[in-house]
Amino acid sequence: LTQREADVACLLASGVQLNAIAAALDVGLGTVRFHLKQAYQKTGTNSQ
């Protein structure tokens, strides 16, 4: 995973909502969703 993909996954695993992840990382919600999709693909998962 890239650093951002790992950041998103870690925050999600900590129970942080997507909007709050976007705010915490100072990126848009679409960017968070992009990193999330990449993390799904790399980990072989398909859901949060």
All heavy atoms as atom14 arrays in JSON, in Angstrom:
{
  "sequence": "LTQREADVACLLASGVQLNAIAAALDVGLGTVRFHLKQAYQKTGTNSQ",
  "atom14_mask": [
    [1, 1, 1, 1, 1, 1, 1, 1, 0, 0, 0, 0, 0, 0],
    [1, 1, 1, 1, 1, 1, 1, 0, 0, 0, 0, 0, 0, 0],
    [1, 1, 1, 1, 1, 1, 1, 1, 1, 0, 0, 0, 0, 0],
    [1, 1, 1, 1, 1, 1, 1, 1, 1, 1, 1, 0, 0, 0],
    [1, 1, 1, 1, 1, 1, 1, 1, 1, 0, 0, 0, 0, 0],
    [1, 1, 1, 1, 1, 0, 0, 0, 0, 0, 0, 0, 0, 0],
    [1, 1, 1, 1, 1, 1, 1, 1, 0, 0, 0, 0, 0, 0],
    [1, 1, 1, 1, 1, 1, 1, 0, 0, 0, 0, 0, 0, 0],
    [1, 1, 1, 1, 1, 0, 0, 0, 0, 0, 0, 0, 0, 0],
    [1, 1, 1, 1, 1, 1, 0, 0, 0, 0, 0, 0, 0, 0],
    [1, 1, 1, 1, 1, 1, 1, 1, 0, 0, 0, 0, 0, 0],
    [1, 1, 1, 1, 1, 1, 1, 1, 0, 0, 0, 0, 0, 0],
    [1, 1, 1, 1, 1, 0, 0, 0, 0, 0, 0, 0, 0, 0],
    [1, 1, 1, 1, 1, 1, 0, 0, 0, 0, 0, 0, 0, 0],
    [1, 1, 1, 1, 0, 0, 0, 0, 0, 0, 0, 0, 0, 0],
    [1, 1, 1, 1, 1, 1, 1, 0, 0, 0, 0, 0, 0, 0],
    [1, 1, 1, 1, 1, 1, 1, 1, 1, 0, 0, 0, 0, 0],
    [1, 1, 1, 1, 1, 1, 1, 1, 0, 0, 0, 0, 0, 0],
    [1, 1, 1, 1, 1, 1, 1, 1, 0, 0, 0, 0, 0, 0],
    [1, 1, 1, 1, 1, 0, 0, 0, 0, 0, 0, 0, 0, 0],
    [1, 1, 1, 1, 1, 1, 1, 1, 0, 0, 0, 0, 0, 0],
    [1, 1, 1, 1, 1, 0, 0, 0, 0, 0, 0, 0, 0, 0],
    [1, 1, 1, 1, 1, 0, 0, 0, 0, 0, 0, 0, 0, 0],
    [1, 1, 1, 1, 1, 0, 0, 0, 0, 0, 0, 0, 0, 0],
    [1, 1, 1, 1, 1, 1, 1, 1, 0, 0, 0, 0, 0, 0],
    [1, 1, 1, 1, 1, 1, 1, 1, 0, 0, 0, 0, 0, 0],
    [1, 1, 1, 1, 1, 1, 1, 0, 0, 0, 0, 0, 0, 0],
    [1, 1, 1, 1, 0, 0, 0, 0, 0, 0, 0, 0, 0, 0],
    [1, 1, 1, 1, 1, 1, 1, 1, 0, 0, 0, 0, 0, 0],
    [1, 1, 1, 1, 0, 0, 0, 0, 0, 0, 0, 0, 0, 0],
    [1, 1, 1, 1, 1, 1, 1, 0, 0, 0, 0, 0, 0, 0],
    [1, 1, 1, 1, 1, 1, 1, 0, 0, 0, 0, 0, 0, 0],
    [1, 1, 1, 1, 1, 1, 1, 1, 1, 1, 1, 0, 0, 0],
    [1, 1, 1, 1, 1, 1, 1, 1, 1, 1, 1, 0, 0, 0],
    [1, 1, 1, 1, 1, 1, 1, 1, 1, 1, 0, 0, 0, 0],
    [1, 1, 1, 1, 1, 1, 1, 1, 0, 0, 0, 0, 0, 0],
    [1, 1, 1, 1, 1, 1, 1, 1, 1, 0, 0, 0, 0, 0],
    [1, 1, 1, 1, 1, 1, 1, 1, 1, 0, 0, 0, 0, 0],
    [1, 1, 1, 1, 1, 0, 0, 0, 0, 0, 0, 0, 0, 0],
    [1, 1, 1, 1, 1, 1, 1, 1, 1, 1, 1, 1, 0, 0],
    [1, 1, 1, 1, 1, 1, 1, 1, 1, 0, 0, 0, 0, 0],
    [1, 1, 1, 1, 1, 1, 1, 1, 1, 0, 0, 0, 0, 0],
    [1, 1, 1, 1, 1, 1, 1, 0, 0, 0, 0, 0, 0, 0],
    [1, 1, 1, 1, 0, 0, 0, 0, 0, 0, 0, 0, 0, 0],
    [1, 1, 1, 1, 1, 1, 1, 0, 0, 0, 0, 0, 0, 0],
    [1, 1, 1, 1, 1, 1, 1, 1, 0, 0, 0, 0, 0, 0],
    [1, 1, 1, 1, 1, 1, 0, 0, 0, 0, 0, 0, 0, 0],
    [1, 1, 1, 1, 1, 1, 1, 1, 1, 0, 0, 0, 0, 0]
  ],
  "atom14_positions": [
    [[0.84, -1.19, 0.0], [0.0, 0.0, 0.0], [0.88, 1.24, 0.0], [1.95, 1.26, 0.62], [-0.89, 0.03, 1.24], [-1.87, -1.11, 1.45], [-2.64, -0.91, 2.75], [-2.82, -1.25, 0.29], [0.0, 0.0, 0.0], [0.0, 0.0, 0.0], [0.0, 0.0, 0.0], [0.0, 0.0, 0.0], [0.0, 0.0, 0.0], [0.0, 0.0, 0.0]],
    [[0.39, 2.29, -0.65], [1.07, 3.57, -0.54], [0.83, 4.11, 0.87], [-0.03, 3.62, 1.6], [0.53, 4.59, -1.56], [-0.84, 4.89, -1.23], [0.64, 4.08, -2.98], [0.0, 0.0, 0.0], [0.0, 0.0, 0.0], [0.0, 0.0, 0.0], [0.0, 0.0, 0.0], [0.0, 0.0, 0.0], [0.0, 0.0, 0.0], [0.0, 0.0, 0.0]],
    [[1.56, 5.15, 1.22], [1.37, 5.74, 2.55], [-0.06, 6.23, 2.74], [-0.67, 6.02, 3.78], [2.36, 6.89, 2.78], [2.28, 7.49, 4.16], [2.6, 6.46, 5.25], [3.63, 5.78, 5.18], [1.74, 6.32, 6.23], [0.0, 0.0, 0.0], [0.0, 0.0, 0.0], [0.0, 0.0, 0.0], [0.0, 0.0, 0.0], [0.0, 0.0, 0.0]],
    [[-0.62, 6.88, 1.72], [-1.98, 7.4, 1.83], [-3.0, 6.28, 1.92], [-3.98, 6.38, 2.66], [-2.32, 8.31, 0.66], [-1.8, 9.71, 0.84], [-2.36, 10.33, 2.1], [-2.26, 11.75, 2.02], [-2.31, 12.56, 3.06], [-2.47, 12.09, 4.27], [-2.22, 13.85, 2.89], [0.0, 0.0, 0.0], [0.0, 0.0, 0.0], [0.0, 0.0, 0.0]],
    [[-2.81, 5.22, 1.15], [-3.72, 4.07, 1.24], [-3.68, 3.47, 2.64], [-4.72, 3.15, 3.22], [-3.35, 3.01, 0.2], [-3.6, 3.45, -1.22], [-2.88, 2.64, -2.27], [-2.11, 1.72, -1.91], [-3.08, 2.92, -3.46], [0.0, 0.0, 0.0], [0.0, 0.0, 0.0], [0.0, 0.0, 0.0], [0.0, 0.0, 0.0], [0.0, 0.0, 0.0]],
    [[-2.49, 3.37, 3.19], [-2.33, 2.85, 4.55], [-2.97, 3.79, 5.57], [-3.61, 3.34, 6.52], [-0.86, 2.63, 4.87], [0.0, 0.0, 0.0], [0.0, 0.0, 0.0], [0.0, 0.0, 0.0], [0.0, 0.0, 0.0], [0.0, 0.0, 0.0], [0.0, 0.0, 0.0], [0.0, 0.0, 0.0], [0.0, 0.0, 0.0], [0.0, 0.0, 0.0]],
    [[-2.8, 5.1, 5.37], [-3.4, 6.08, 6.27], [-4.92, 5.94, 6.29], [-5.54, 5.92, 7.35], [-3.04, 7.51, 5.85], [-1.58, 7.86, 6.04], [-0.88, 7.13, 6.77], [-1.14, 8.85, 5.42], [0.0, 0.0, 0.0], [0.0, 0.0, 0.0], [0.0, 0.0, 0.0], [0.0, 0.0, 0.0], [0.0, 0.0, 0.0], [0.0, 0.0, 0.0]],
    [[-5.51, 5.85, 5.09], [-6.96, 5.72, 4.98], [-7.42, 4.42, 5.65], [-8.37, 4.41, 6.44], [-7.42, 5.78, 3.51], [-8.87, 5.38, 3.37], [-7.2, 7.18, 2.95], [0.0, 0.0, 0.0], [0.0, 0.0, 0.0], [0.0, 0.0, 0.0], [0.0, 0.0, 0.0], [0.0, 0.0, 0.0], [0.0, 0.0, 0.0], [0.0, 0.0, 0.0]],
    [[-6.74, 3.32, 5.38], [-7.1, 2.03, 5.97], [-6.99, 2.06, 7.49], [-7.86, 1.56, 8.2], [-6.24, 0.92, 5.39], [0.0, 0.0, 0.0], [0.0, 0.0, 0.0], [0.0, 0.0, 0.0], [0.0, 0.0, 0.0], [0.0, 0.0, 0.0], [0.0, 0.0, 0.0], [0.0, 0.0, 0.0], [0.0, 0.0, 0.0], [0.0, 0.0, 0.0]],
    [[-5.93, 2.66, 7.99], [-5.71, 2.75, 9.44], [-6.8, 3.58, 10.1], [-7.35, 3.18, 11.13], [-4.34, 3.33, 9.7], [-3.92, 3.45, 11.45], [0.0, 0.0, 0.0], [0.0, 0.0, 0.0], [0.0, 0.0, 0.0], [0.0, 0.0, 0.0], [0.0, 0.0, 0.0], [0.0, 0.0, 0.0], [0.0, 0.0, 0.0], [0.0, 0.0, 0.0]],
    [[-7.11, 4.73, 9.53], [-8.15, 5.58, 10.1], [-9.51, 4.88, 10.04], [-10.28, 4.93, 11.0], [-8.19, 6.93, 9.38], [-7.02, 7.85, 9.68], [-6.97, 9.01, 8.69], [-7.1, 8.36, 11.11], [0.0, 0.0, 0.0], [0.0, 0.0, 0.0], [0.0, 0.0, 0.0], [0.0, 0.0, 0.0], [0.0, 0.0, 0.0], [0.0, 0.0, 0.0]],
    [[-9.79, 4.23, 8.92], [-11.04, 3.48, 8.79], [-11.11, 2.38, 9.84], [-12.15, 2.2, 10.49], [-11.14, 2.89, 7.38], [-12.45, 2.24, 7.02], [-13.57, 3.28, 6.95], [-12.34, 1.51, 5.7], [0.0, 0.0, 0.0], [0.0, 0.0, 0.0], [0.0, 0.0, 0.0], [0.0, 0.0, 0.0], [0.0, 0.0, 0.0], [0.0, 0.0, 0.0]],
    [[-10.02, 1.67, 10.04], [-9.98, 0.6, 11.04], [-10.13, 1.13, 12.46], [-10.56, 0.4, 13.35], [-8.68, -0.19, 10.91], [0.0, 0.0, 0.0], [0.0, 0.0, 0.0], [0.0, 0.0, 0.0], [0.0, 0.0, 0.0], [0.0, 0.0, 0.0], [0.0, 0.0, 0.0], [0.0, 0.0, 0.0], [0.0, 0.0, 0.0], [0.0, 0.0, 0.0]],
    [[-9.82, 2.4, 12.63], [-9.98, 3.04, 13.94], [-11.4, 3.56, 14.16], [-11.68, 4.16, 15.19], [-8.99, 4.2, 14.09], [-7.68, 3.71, 14.04], [0.0, 0.0, 0.0], [0.0, 0.0, 0.0], [0.0, 0.0, 0.0], [0.0, 0.0, 0.0], [0.0, 0.0, 0.0], [0.0, 0.0, 0.0], [0.0, 0.0, 0.0], [0.0, 0.0, 0.0]],
    [[-12.24, 3.38, 13.16], [-13.63, 3.79, 13.29], [-13.95, 5.18, 12.79], [-15.05, 5.69, 13.01], [0.0, 0.0, 0.0], [0.0, 0.0, 0.0], [0.0, 0.0, 0.0], [0.0, 0.0, 0.0], [0.0, 0.0, 0.0], [0.0, 0.0, 0.0], [0.0, 0.0, 0.0], [0.0, 0.0, 0.0], [0.0, 0.0, 0.0], [0.0, 0.0, 0.0]],
    [[-13.01, 5.8, 12.08], [-13.22, 7.15, 11.58], [-14.04, 7.08, 10.29], [-13.77, 6.26, 9.42], [-11.86, 7.85, 11.33], [-12.06, 9.25, 10.81], [-11.01, 7.84, 12.61], [0.0, 0.0, 0.0], [0.0, 0.0, 0.0], [0.0, 0.0, 0.0], [0.0, 0.0, 0.0], [0.0, 0.0, 0.0], [0.0, 0.0, 0.0], [0.0, 0.0, 0.0]],
    [[-15.04, 7.93, 10.17], [-15.9, 7.99, 8.99], [-15.15, 8.62, 7.82], [-14.2, 9.39, 8.01], [-17.15, 8.82, 9.3], [-18.02, 8.23, 10.39], [-18.65, 6.91, 9.96], [-19.12, 6.77, 8.83], [-18.66, 5.94, 10.86], [0.0, 0.0, 0.0], [0.0, 0.0, 0.0], [0.0, 0.0, 0.0], [0.0, 0.0, 0.0], [0.0, 0.0, 0.0]],
    [[-15.6, 8.31, 6.6], [-14.9, 8.79, 5.4], [-14.78, 10.31, 5.35], [-13.73, 10.84, 4.98], [-15.59, 8.27, 4.14], [-15.57, 6.76, 3.93], [-16.22, 6.41, 2.59], [-14.18, 6.19, 4.01], [0.0, 0.0, 0.0], [0.0, 0.0, 0.0], [0.0, 0.0, 0.0], [0.0, 0.0, 0.0], [0.0, 0.0, 0.0], [0.0, 0.0, 0.0]],
    [[-15.84, 11.03, 5.71], [-15.77, 12.5, 5.71], [-14.72, 13.01, 6.68], [-13.99, 13.96, 6.38], [-17.13, 13.11, 6.06], [-18.12, 12.99, 4.94], [-17.74, 12.9, 3.78], [-19.4, 12.98, 5.27], [0.0, 0.0, 0.0], [0.0, 0.0, 0.0], [0.0, 0.0, 0.0], [0.0, 0.0, 0.0], [0.0, 0.0, 0.0], [0.0, 0.0, 0.0]],
    [[-14.61, 12.37, 7.82], [-13.62, 12.78, 8.82], [-12.21, 12.41, 8.37], [-11.26, 13.13, 8.67], [-13.94, 12.14, 10.17], [0.0, 0.0, 0.0], [0.0, 0.0, 0.0], [0.0, 0.0, 0.0], [0.0, 0.0, 0.0], [0.0, 0.0, 0.0], [0.0, 0.0, 0.0], [0.0, 0.0, 0.0], [0.0, 0.0, 0.0], [0.0, 0.0, 0.0]],
    [[-12.08, 11.29, 7.66], [-10.77, 10.91, 7.11], [-10.32, 11.97, 6.11], [-9.17, 12.42, 6.13], [-10.82, 9.52, 6.45], [-11.05, 8.44, 7.5], [-9.53, 9.24, 5.66], [-11.3, 7.04, 6.95], [0.0, 0.0, 0.0], [0.0, 0.0, 0.0], [0.0, 0.0, 0.0], [0.0, 0.0, 0.0], [0.0, 0.0, 0.0], [0.0, 0.0, 0.0]],
    [[-11.25, 12.39, 5.23], [-10.93, 13.44, 4.25], [-10.46, 14.71, 4.95], [-9.46, 15.31, 4.54], [-12.14, 13.71, 3.37], [0.0, 0.0, 0.0], [0.0, 0.0, 0.0], [0.0, 0.0, 0.0], [0.0, 0.0, 0.0], [0.0, 0.0, 0.0], [0.0, 0.0, 0.0], [0.0, 0.0, 0.0], [0.0, 0.0, 0.0], [0.0, 0.0, 0.0]],
    [[-11.16, 15.1, 5.99], [-10.79, 16.31, 6.73], [-9.43, 16.14, 7.41], [-8.59, 17.04, 7.37], [-11.86, 16.66, 7.75], [0.0, 0.0, 0.0], [0.0, 0.0, 0.0], [0.0, 0.0, 0.0], [0.0, 0.0, 0.0], [0.0, 0.0, 0.0], [0.0, 0.0, 0.0], [0.0, 0.0, 0.0], [0.0, 0.0, 0.0], [0.0, 0.0, 0.0]],
    [[-9.21, 14.97, 8.02], [-7.96, 14.72, 8.74], [-6.76, 14.73, 7.8], [-5.66, 15.18, 8.17], [-8.03, 13.39, 9.48], [0.0, 0.0, 0.0], [0.0, 0.0, 0.0], [0.0, 0.0, 0.0], [0.0, 0.0, 0.0], [0.0, 0.0, 0.0], [0.0, 0.0, 0.0], [0.0, 0.0, 0.0], [0.0, 0.0, 0.0], [0.0, 0.0, 0.0]],
    [[-6.95, 14.23, 6.59], [-5.85, 14.15, 5.62], [-5.81, 15.36, 4.69], [-4.93, 15.46, 3.84], [-5.96, 12.87, 4.8], [-5.89, 11.55, 5.58], [-6.05, 10.36, 4.64], [-4.58, 11.45, 6.36], [0.0, 0.0, 0.0], [0.0, 0.0, 0.0], [0.0, 0.0, 0.0], [0.0, 0.0, 0.0], [0.0, 0.0, 0.0], [0.0, 0.0, 0.0]],
    [[-6.76, 16.27, 4.88], [-6.85, 17.5, 4.08], [-6.95, 17.19, 2.59], [-6.23, 17.76, 1.76], [-5.67, 18.42, 4.38], [-5.92, 19.84, 3.89], [-7.1, 20.26, 3.85], [-4.94, 20.52, 3.54], [0.0, 0.0, 0.0], [0.0, 0.0, 0.0], [0.0, 0.0, 0.0], [0.0, 0.0, 0.0], [0.0, 0.0, 0.0], [0.0, 0.0, 0.0]],
    [[-7.85, 16.24, 2.27], [-8.12, 15.88, 0.87], [-9.63, 15.79, 0.7], [-10.38, 15.8, 1.67], [-7.47, 14.53, 0.49], [-5.96, 14.61, 0.57], [-7.99, 13.38, 1.34], [0.0, 0.0, 0.0], [0.0, 0.0, 0.0], [0.0, 0.0, 0.0], [0.0, 0.0, 0.0], [0.0, 0.0, 0.0], [0.0, 0.0, 0.0], [0.0, 0.0, 0.0]],
    [[-10.07, 15.68, -0.53], [-11.49, 15.54, -0.79], [-11.99, 14.13, -0.55], [-11.21, 13.17, -0.49], [0.0, 0.0, 0.0], [0.0, 0.0, 0.0], [0.0, 0.0, 0.0], [0.0, 0.0, 0.0], [0.0, 0.0, 0.0], [0.0, 0.0, 0.0], [0.0, 0.0, 0.0], [0.0, 0.0, 0.0], [0.0, 0.0, 0.0], [0.0, 0.0, 0.0]],
    [[-13.29, 14.01, -0.43], [-13.92, 12.71, -0.21], [-13.64, 11.77, -1.39], [-13.41, 10.57, -1.19], [-15.43, 12.87, 0.01], [-16.21, 11.61, 0.34], [-15.67, 10.93, 1.58], [-17.69, 11.97, 0.52], [0.0, 0.0, 0.0], [0.0, 0.0, 0.0], [0.0, 0.0, 0.0], [0.0, 0.0, 0.0], [0.0, 0.0, 0.0], [0.0, 0.0, 0.0]],
    [[-13.63, 12.3, -2.59], [-13.31, 11.49, -3.77], [-11.92, 10.9, -3.71], [-11.69, 9.76, -4.11], [0.0, 0.0, 0.0], [0.0, 0.0, 0.0], [0.0, 0.0, 0.0], [0.0, 0.0, 0.0], [0.0, 0.0, 0.0], [0.0, 0.0, 0.0], [0.0, 0.0, 0.0], [0.0, 0.0, 0.0], [0.0, 0.0, 0.0], [0.0, 0.0, 0.0]],
    [[-10.98, 11.66, -3.18], [-9.61, 11.17, -3.03], [-9.56, 10.05, -2.0], [-8.88, 9.04, -2.22], [-8.67, 12.32, -2.61], [-8.73, 13.34, -3.62], [-7.24, 11.85, -2.45], [0.0, 0.0, 0.0], [0.0, 0.0, 0.0], [0.0, 0.0, 0.0], [0.0, 0.0, 0.0], [0.0, 0.0, 0.0], [0.0, 0.0, 0.0], [0.0, 0.0, 0.0]],
    [[-10.28, 10.19, -0.91], [-10.35, 9.12, 0.1], [-10.93, 7.87, -0.53], [-10.39, 6.76, -0.35], [-11.18, 9.56, 1.33], [-11.43, 8.39, 2.26], [-10.47, 10.68, 2.06], [0.0, 0.0, 0.0], [0.0, 0.0, 0.0], [0.0, 0.0, 0.0], [0.0, 0.0, 0.0], [0.0, 0.0, 0.0], [0.0, 0.0, 0.0], [0.0, 0.0, 0.0]],
    [[-11.99, 8.01, -1.28], [-12.62, 6.85, -1.94], [-11.66, 6.2, -2.94], [-11.63, 4.99, -3.07], [-13.92, 7.27, -2.61], [-15.01, 7.55, -1.61], [-16.33, 7.79, -2.3], [-17.38, 7.92, -1.29], [-18.31, 8.84, -1.31], [-18.37, 9.72, -2.3], [-19.22, 8.89, -0.36], [0.0, 0.0, 0.0], [0.0, 0.0, 0.0], [0.0, 0.0, 0.0]],
    [[-10.89, 7.01, -3.65], [-9.9, 6.47, -4.59], [-8.87, 5.62, -3.83], [-8.57, 4.5, -4.24], [-9.2, 7.6, -5.35], [-8.06, 7.11, -6.2], [-8.3, 6.51, -7.42], [-6.76, 7.23, -5.75], [-7.25, 6.05, -8.2], [-5.7, 6.76, -6.51], [-5.94, 6.17, -7.74], [0.0, 0.0, 0.0], [0.0, 0.0, 0.0], [0.0, 0.0, 0.0]],
    [[-8.33, 6.16, -2.75], [-7.33, 5.42, -1.96], [-7.95, 4.14, -1.39], [-7.3, 3.1, -1.32], [-6.75, 6.29, -0.85], [-5.88, 7.4, -1.34], [-4.85, 7.21, -2.22], [-5.89, 8.72, -1.06], [-4.25, 8.37, -2.48], [-4.88, 9.3, -1.78], [0.0, 0.0, 0.0], [0.0, 0.0, 0.0], [0.0, 0.0, 0.0], [0.0, 0.0, 0.0]],
    [[-9.19, 4.24, -0.99], [-9.9, 3.08, -0.45], [-10.05, 1.99, -1.51], [-9.79, 0.81, -1.25], [-11.27, 3.54, 0.06], [-12.05, 2.62, 0.98], [-11.24, 2.21, 2.19], [-13.33, 3.31, 1.41], [0.0, 0.0, 0.0], [0.0, 0.0, 0.0], [0.0, 0.0, 0.0], [0.0, 0.0, 0.0], [0.0, 0.0, 0.0], [0.0, 0.0, 0.0]],
    [[-10.43, 2.37, -2.72], [-10.56, 1.4, -3.81], [-9.23, 0.74, -4.12], [-9.15, -0.47, -4.37], [-11.1, 2.08, -5.07], [-12.56, 2.4, -5.04], [-12.92, 3.21, -6.26], [-14.07, 2.63, -7.0], [-14.44, 3.44, -8.17], [0.0, 0.0, 0.0], [0.0, 0.0, 0.0], [0.0, 0.0, 0.0], [0.0, 0.0, 0.0], [0.0, 0.0, 0.0]],
    [[-8.17, 1.53, -4.11], [-6.84, 0.98, -4.35], [-6.47, -0.02, -3.26], [-5.89, -1.07, -3.53], [-5.8, 2.1, -4.42], [-5.97, 3.02, -5.61], [-5.8, 2.32, -6.93], [-6.78, 2.08, -7.63], [-4.6, 1.95, -7.26], [0.0, 0.0, 0.0], [0.0, 0.0, 0.0], [0.0, 0.0, 0.0], [0.0, 0.0, 0.0], [0.0, 0.0, 0.0]],
    [[-6.79, 0.32, -2.02], [-6.49, -0.58, -0.9], [-7.31, -1.87, -1.01], [-6.79, -2.95, -0.73], [-6.77, 0.12, 0.43], [0.0, 0.0, 0.0], [0.0, 0.0, 0.0], [0.0, 0.0, 0.0], [0.0, 0.0, 0.0], [0.0, 0.0, 0.0], [0.0, 0.0, 0.0], [0.0, 0.0, 0.0], [0.0, 0.0, 0.0], [0.0, 0.0, 0.0]],
    [[-8.57, -1.76, -1.43], [-9.39, -2.96, -1.66], [-8.69, -3.87, -2.67], [-8.57, -5.08, -2.47], [-10.76, -2.63, -2.23], [-11.76, -1.94, -1.34], [-12.85, -1.3, -1.9], [-11.64, -1.94, 0.04], [-13.81, -0.67, -1.12], [-12.59, -1.31, 0.83], [-13.67, -0.68, 0.24], [-14.61, -0.06, 1.03], [0.0, 0.0, 0.0], [0.0, 0.0, 0.0]],
    [[-8.3, -3.29, -3.78], [-7.7, -4.07, -4.85], [-6.41, -4.75, -4.39], [-6.21, -5.94, -4.64], [-7.41, -3.16, -6.04], [-6.92, -3.88, -7.26], [-6.76, -2.93, -8.45], [-6.56, -1.74, -8.28], [-6.86, -3.48, -9.65], [0.0, 0.0, 0.0], [0.0, 0.0, 0.0], [0.0, 0.0, 0.0], [0.0, 0.0, 0.0], [0.0, 0.0, 0.0]],
    [[-5.57, -4.03, -3.69], [-4.29, -4.58, -3.25], [-4.42, -5.62, -2.15], [-3.57, -6.5, -2.02], [-3.36, -3.45, -2.81], [-2.92, -2.57, -3.97], [-2.04, -1.44, -3.49], [-1.62, -0.54, -4.64], [-0.74, 0.56, -4.18], [0.0, 0.0, 0.0], [0.0, 0.0, 0.0], [0.0, 0.0, 0.0], [0.0, 0.0, 0.0], [0.0, 0.0, 0.0]],
    [[-5.47, -5.51, -1.34], [-5.66, -6.46, -0.23], [-6.6, -7.61, -0.59], [-6.79, -8.53, 0.2], [-6.2, -5.76, 1.03], [-7.46, -5.15, 0.72], [-5.23, -4.73, 1.56], [0.0, 0.0, 0.0], [0.0, 0.0, 0.0], [0.0, 0.0, 0.0], [0.0, 0.0, 0.0], [0.0, 0.0, 0.0], [0.0, 0.0, 0.0], [0.0, 0.0, 0.0]],
    [[-7.21, -7.52, -1.77], [-8.14, -8.57, -2.17], [-9.48, -8.5, -1.45], [-10.18, -9.5, -1.34], [0.0, 0.0, 0.0], [0.0, 0.0, 0.0], [0.0, 0.0, 0.0], [0.0, 0.0, 0.0], [0.0, 0.0, 0.0], [0.0, 0.0, 0.0], [0.0, 0.0, 0.0], [0.0, 0.0, 0.0], [0.0, 0.0, 0.0], [0.0, 0.0, 0.0]],
    [[-9.83, -7.32, -0.98], [-11.09, -7.13, -0.28], [-12.03, -6.34, -1.18], [-11.62, -5.83, -2.22], [-10.89, -6.39, 1.05], [-10.28, -5.12, 0.8], [-10.01, -7.19, 2.01], [0.0, 0.0, 0.0], [0.0, 0.0, 0.0], [0.0, 0.0, 0.0], [0.0, 0.0, 0.0], [0.0, 0.0, 0.0], [0.0, 0.0, 0.0], [0.0, 0.0, 0.0]],
    [[-13.3, -6.23, -0.76], [-14.25, -5.48, -1.57], [-15.25, -4.7, -0.74], [-16.29, -4.3, -1.24], [-14.97, -6.39, -2.56], [-15.76, -7.49, -1.88], [-15.85, -7.52, -0.66], [-16.32, -8.39, -2.66], [0.0, 0.0, 0.0], [0.0, 0.0, 0.0], [0.0, 0.0, 0.0], [0.0, 0.0, 0.0], [0.0, 0.0, 0.0], [0.0, 0.0, 0.0]],
    [[-14.92, -4.5, 0.54], [-15.81, -3.72, 1.39], [-15.0, -3.11, 2.53], [-13.9, -3.58, 2.84], [-16.92, -4.59, 1.98], [-16.38, -5.5, 2.92], [0.0, 0.0, 0.0], [0.0, 0.0, 0.0], [0.0, 0.0, 0.0], [0.0, 0.0, 0.0], [0.0, 0.0, 0.0], [0.0, 0.0, 0.0], [0.0, 0.0, 0.0], [0.0, 0.0, 0.0]],
    [[-15.58, -2.1, 3.14], [-14.91, -1.48, 4.29], [-14.73, -2.48, 5.41], [-13.66, -2.54, 6.03], [-15.69, -0.26, 4.77], [-15.67, 0.9, 3.8], [-16.45, 2.1, 4.31], [-16.73, 2.23, 5.48], [-16.79, 3.0, 3.4], [0.0, 0.0, 0.0], [0.0, 0.0, 0.0], [0.0, 0.0, 0.0], [0.0, 0.0, 0.0], [0.0, 0.0, 0.0]]
  ]
}
